[in-house]
Amino acid sequence: MGQRIVIKILNKPFELNADTPEMEADIRKAADKVNAKYYEYVKLFPGKLPADIFSFIAVNAFIEAAEAKRAVAETEAEADRLHNELESYLDKEI
């Protein structure tokens, strides 16, 4: 089941489960990132409601996830291409 941990988003505590120490570290890093982004966006968009700012944070997070997913797919495709190229080369040499 893991361990119950408490994180704070804008000083509001949230209790969550972390199944592994790595997951706990990821959750804590994510909370720190959310807090940092919140204050960054408050400066960029003064007067916006907190809900609007959290919407910006969510959109930004999904954009970053999509970019990371695309980068992984491109890296995997390049690895496959290089593997095929190497096999083709070795077939010719043997």
N, C-alpha and C. Protein backbone atom coordinates (compact mmCIF):
# COMPACT_ATOMS: atom_id res chain seq x y z
N MET A 1 0.82 -1.20 0.00
CA MET A 1 0.00 0.00 0.00
C MET A 1 0.86 1.25 0.00
N GLY A 2 2.03 1.21 0.56
CA GLY A 2 2.88 2.39 0.55
C GLY A 2 2.78 3.17 1.83
N GLN A 3 3.11 4.41 1.70
CA GLN A 3 3.21 5.27 2.85
C GLN A 3 2.38 6.53 2.63
N ARG A 4 1.71 6.99 3.68
CA ARG A 4 0.97 8.25 3.61
C ARG A 4 1.96 9.39 3.76
N ILE A 5 1.88 10.36 2.86
CA ILE A 5 2.73 11.53 2.95
C ILE A 5 1.86 12.78 2.89
N VAL A 6 2.40 13.88 3.34
CA VAL A 6 1.69 15.16 3.28
C VAL A 6 2.55 16.11 2.45
N ILE A 7 1.91 16.69 1.45
CA ILE A 7 2.57 17.74 0.66
C ILE A 7 1.77 19.02 0.87
N LYS A 8 2.36 20.13 0.51
CA LYS A 8 1.65 21.41 0.61
C LYS A 8 1.65 22.10 -0.75
N ILE A 9 0.46 22.50 -1.15
CA ILE A 9 0.29 23.33 -2.33
C ILE A 9 -0.25 24.65 -1.81
N LEU A 10 0.53 25.70 -2.00
CA LEU A 10 0.19 27.03 -1.46
C LEU A 10 -0.16 26.95 0.02
N ASN A 11 0.67 26.24 0.74
CA ASN A 11 0.55 26.07 2.20
C ASN A 11 -0.68 25.28 2.64
N LYS A 12 -1.42 24.71 1.70
CA LYS A 12 -2.55 23.85 2.05
C LYS A 12 -2.07 22.41 2.02
N PRO A 13 -2.22 21.68 3.13
CA PRO A 13 -1.73 20.30 3.14
C PRO A 13 -2.65 19.33 2.39
N PHE A 14 -2.02 18.40 1.71
CA PHE A 14 -2.73 17.33 1.01
C PHE A 14 -2.08 16.01 1.41
N GLU A 15 -2.88 15.04 1.80
CA GLU A 15 -2.38 13.74 2.19
C GLU A 15 -2.52 12.78 1.00
N LEU A 16 -1.42 12.12 0.67
CA LEU A 16 -1.40 11.21 -0.48
C LEU A 16 -0.69 9.92 -0.11
N ASN A 17 -0.87 8.90 -0.95
CA ASN A 17 -0.13 7.65 -0.80
C ASN A 17 1.05 7.65 -1.75
N ALA A 18 2.19 7.19 -1.25
CA ALA A 18 3.36 7.00 -2.10
C ALA A 18 3.77 5.54 -1.96
N ASP A 19 3.71 4.81 -3.06
CA ASP A 19 3.99 3.37 -3.03
C ASP A 19 5.47 3.05 -2.86
N THR A 20 6.33 3.95 -3.32
CA THR A 20 7.78 3.71 -3.23
C THR A 20 8.47 5.01 -2.82
N PRO A 21 9.70 4.92 -2.36
CA PRO A 21 10.45 6.15 -2.06
C PRO A 21 10.63 7.03 -3.31
N GLU A 22 10.78 6.38 -4.47
CA GLU A 22 10.91 7.15 -5.72
C GLU A 22 9.64 7.92 -6.03
N MET A 23 8.50 7.25 -5.81
CA MET A 23 7.22 7.91 -6.04
C MET A 23 7.05 9.09 -5.07
N GLU A 24 7.45 8.90 -3.83
CA GLU A 24 7.37 10.00 -2.86
C GLU A 24 8.21 11.19 -3.33
N ALA A 25 9.42 10.91 -3.80
CA ALA A 25 10.29 11.98 -4.29
C ALA A 25 9.65 12.69 -5.48
N ASP A 26 9.03 11.92 -6.39
CA ASP A 26 8.37 12.51 -7.56
C ASP A 26 7.20 13.39 -7.13
N ILE A 27 6.42 12.92 -6.18
CA ILE A 27 5.27 13.70 -5.69
C ILE A 27 5.75 15.00 -5.07
N ARG A 28 6.78 14.92 -4.25
CA ARG A 28 7.30 16.13 -3.60
C ARG A 28 7.87 17.11 -4.62
N LYS A 29 8.58 16.60 -5.63
CA LYS A 29 9.10 17.47 -6.69
C LYS A 29 7.96 18.12 -7.46
N ALA A 30 6.91 17.35 -7.72
CA ALA A 30 5.76 17.89 -8.45
C ALA A 30 5.10 19.00 -7.64
N ALA A 31 4.94 18.80 -6.34
CA ALA A 31 4.34 19.83 -5.49
C ALA A 31 5.19 21.09 -5.50
N ASP A 32 6.51 20.92 -5.42
CA ASP A 32 7.41 22.07 -5.47
C ASP A 32 7.28 22.81 -6.80
N LYS A 33 7.17 22.03 -7.89
CA LYS A 33 7.02 22.63 -9.22
C LYS A 33 5.71 23.40 -9.34
N VAL A 34 4.63 22.81 -8.81
CA VAL A 34 3.33 23.50 -8.86
C VAL A 34 3.40 24.82 -8.11
N ASN A 35 3.98 24.78 -6.92
CA ASN A 35 4.11 26.01 -6.13
C ASN A 35 4.94 27.06 -6.87
N ALA A 36 6.06 26.64 -7.45
CA ALA A 36 6.92 27.58 -8.18
C ALA A 36 6.20 28.16 -9.38
N LYS A 37 5.52 27.30 -10.15
CA LYS A 37 4.77 27.76 -11.32
C LYS A 37 3.66 28.72 -10.93
N TYR A 38 3.00 28.43 -9.81
CA TYR A 38 1.91 29.30 -9.35
C TYR A 38 2.45 30.72 -9.15
N TYR A 39 3.53 30.85 -8.41
CA TYR A 39 4.07 32.17 -8.13
C TYR A 39 4.64 32.83 -9.37
N GLU A 40 5.17 32.03 -10.28
CA GLU A 40 5.65 32.56 -11.56
C GLU A 40 4.48 33.15 -12.35
N TYR A 41 3.36 32.42 -12.41
CA TYR A 41 2.20 32.89 -13.17
C TYR A 41 1.50 34.05 -12.49
N VAL A 42 1.55 34.11 -11.17
CA VAL A 42 0.96 35.26 -10.47
C VAL A 42 1.66 36.54 -10.92
N LYS A 43 2.99 36.45 -11.09
CA LYS A 43 3.75 37.62 -11.55
C LYS A 43 3.44 37.95 -13.00
N LEU A 44 3.28 36.90 -13.82
CA LEU A 44 3.01 37.12 -15.25
C LEU A 44 1.59 37.59 -15.52
N PHE A 45 0.65 37.13 -14.71
CA PHE A 45 -0.77 37.43 -14.93
C PHE A 45 -1.39 38.00 -13.65
N PRO A 46 -0.98 39.19 -13.25
CA PRO A 46 -1.53 39.75 -12.01
C PRO A 46 -3.05 39.92 -12.11
N GLY A 47 -3.71 39.65 -11.01
CA GLY A 47 -5.16 39.82 -10.97
C GLY A 47 -5.95 38.59 -11.39
N LYS A 48 -5.27 37.57 -11.92
CA LYS A 48 -5.98 36.35 -12.30
C LYS A 48 -6.40 35.57 -11.06
N LEU A 49 -7.52 34.90 -11.16
CA LEU A 49 -7.99 34.07 -10.05
C LEU A 49 -7.10 32.84 -9.90
N PRO A 50 -6.98 32.34 -8.67
CA PRO A 50 -6.18 31.12 -8.47
C PRO A 50 -6.62 29.96 -9.37
N ALA A 51 -7.91 29.80 -9.59
CA ALA A 51 -8.39 28.71 -10.46
C ALA A 51 -7.86 28.89 -11.88
N ASP A 52 -7.80 30.13 -12.36
CA ASP A 52 -7.26 30.39 -13.70
C ASP A 52 -5.77 30.04 -13.74
N ILE A 53 -5.07 30.42 -12.70
CA ILE A 53 -3.63 30.13 -12.65
C ILE A 53 -3.39 28.63 -12.61
N PHE A 54 -4.18 27.90 -11.82
CA PHE A 54 -4.01 26.46 -11.79
C PHE A 54 -4.37 25.83 -13.14
N SER A 55 -5.29 26.44 -13.86
CA SER A 55 -5.60 25.96 -15.22
C SER A 55 -4.38 26.13 -16.13
N PHE A 56 -3.71 27.27 -16.03
CA PHE A 56 -2.49 27.49 -16.81
C PHE A 56 -1.43 26.45 -16.45
N ILE A 57 -1.31 26.16 -15.17
CA ILE A 57 -0.33 25.16 -14.72
C ILE A 57 -0.66 23.79 -15.31
N ALA A 58 -1.94 23.43 -15.28
CA ALA A 58 -2.35 22.13 -15.81
C ALA A 58 -2.08 22.04 -17.31
N VAL A 59 -2.42 23.08 -18.05
CA VAL A 59 -2.18 23.07 -19.49
C VAL A 59 -0.68 22.95 -19.76
N ASN A 60 0.12 23.72 -19.03
CA ASN A 60 1.57 23.67 -19.19
C ASN A 60 2.10 22.25 -18.91
N ALA A 61 1.59 21.62 -17.87
CA ALA A 61 2.04 20.26 -17.52
C ALA A 61 1.69 19.27 -18.63
N PHE A 62 0.50 19.39 -19.21
CA PHE A 62 0.12 18.48 -20.28
C PHE A 62 0.92 18.74 -21.56
N ILE A 63 1.26 20.00 -21.81
CA ILE A 63 2.12 20.31 -22.96
C ILE A 63 3.49 19.67 -22.76
N GLU A 64 4.06 19.83 -21.56
CA GLU A 64 5.36 19.22 -21.27
C GLU A 64 5.30 17.70 -21.40
N ALA A 65 4.23 17.09 -20.93
CA ALA A 65 4.09 15.63 -21.03
C ALA A 65 3.99 15.20 -22.49
N ALA A 66 3.25 15.95 -23.31
CA ALA A 66 3.12 15.62 -24.73
C ALA A 66 4.46 15.76 -25.44
N GLU A 67 5.22 16.80 -25.10
CA GLU A 67 6.54 16.99 -25.70
C GLU A 67 7.49 15.87 -25.29
N ALA A 68 7.43 15.47 -24.03
CA ALA A 68 8.28 14.38 -23.56
C ALA A 68 7.92 13.07 -24.25
N LYS A 69 6.62 12.82 -24.40
CA LYS A 69 6.15 11.60 -25.08
C LYS A 69 6.63 11.58 -26.53
N ARG A 70 6.54 12.74 -27.19
CA ARG A 70 6.99 12.84 -28.57
C ARG A 70 8.51 12.62 -28.66
N ALA A 71 9.26 13.19 -27.72
CA ALA A 71 10.72 13.01 -27.71
C ALA A 71 11.10 11.55 -27.50
N VAL A 72 10.39 10.87 -26.62
CA VAL A 72 10.65 9.44 -26.39
C VAL A 72 10.35 8.64 -27.66
N ALA A 73 9.23 8.94 -28.31
CA ALA A 73 8.87 8.23 -29.54
C ALA A 73 9.92 8.47 -30.63
N GLU A 74 10.40 9.71 -30.75
CA GLU A 74 11.43 10.01 -31.75
C GLU A 74 12.73 9.28 -31.43
N THR A 75 13.09 9.24 -30.16
CA THR A 75 14.31 8.54 -29.74
C THR A 75 14.20 7.05 -30.01
N GLU A 76 13.04 6.47 -29.71
CA GLU A 76 12.83 5.04 -29.98
C GLU A 76 12.89 4.76 -31.47
N ALA A 77 12.30 5.62 -32.28
CA ALA A 77 12.34 5.44 -33.74
C ALA A 77 13.77 5.53 -34.25
N GLU A 78 14.53 6.48 -33.72
CA GLU A 78 15.93 6.61 -34.12
C GLU A 78 16.73 5.39 -33.69
N ALA A 79 16.49 4.88 -32.50
CA ALA A 79 17.18 3.68 -32.03
C ALA A 79 16.84 2.49 -32.93
N ASP A 80 15.58 2.35 -33.31
CA ASP A 80 15.18 1.27 -34.22
C ASP A 80 15.87 1.42 -35.57
N ARG A 81 15.92 2.64 -36.08
CA ARG A 81 16.56 2.89 -37.37
C ARG A 81 18.04 2.52 -37.31
N LEU A 82 18.71 2.96 -36.24
CA LEU A 82 20.13 2.63 -36.09
C LEU A 82 20.36 1.14 -35.94
N HIS A 83 19.48 0.48 -35.20
CA HIS A 83 19.58 -0.98 -35.03
C HIS A 83 19.45 -1.69 -36.38
N ASN A 84 18.46 -1.27 -37.16
CA ASN A 84 18.26 -1.88 -38.49
C ASN A 84 19.45 -1.61 -39.40
N GLU A 85 19.97 -0.39 -39.32
CA GLU A 85 21.13 -0.03 -40.14
C GLU A 85 22.34 -0.89 -39.76
N LEU A 86 22.54 -1.09 -38.46
CA LEU A 86 23.66 -1.89 -37.98
C LEU A 86 23.49 -3.34 -38.43
N GLU A 87 22.27 -3.89 -38.28
CA GLU A 87 22.04 -5.27 -38.70
C GLU A 87 22.28 -5.43 -40.19
N SER A 88 21.84 -4.46 -40.98
CA SER A 88 22.04 -4.52 -42.43
C SER A 88 23.54 -4.48 -42.75
N TYR A 89 24.27 -3.63 -42.08
CA TYR A 89 25.71 -3.54 -42.29
C TYR A 89 26.40 -4.85 -41.91
N LEU A 90 26.02 -5.40 -40.75
CA LEU A 90 26.64 -6.65 -40.31
C LEU A 90 26.30 -7.81 -41.24
N ASP A 91 25.08 -7.83 -41.77
CA ASP A 91 24.70 -8.89 -42.72
C ASP A 91 25.58 -8.84 -43.97
N LYS A 92 25.92 -7.65 -44.41
CA LYS A 92 26.77 -7.49 -45.60
C LYS A 92 28.22 -7.89 -45.31
N GLU A 93 28.66 -7.66 -44.08
CA GLU A 93 30.05 -7.95 -43.71
C GLU A 93 30.28 -9.42 -43.40
N ILE A 94 29.25 -10.12 -43.02
CA ILE A 94 29.41 -11.53 -42.62
C ILE A 94 29.18 -12.43 -43.77
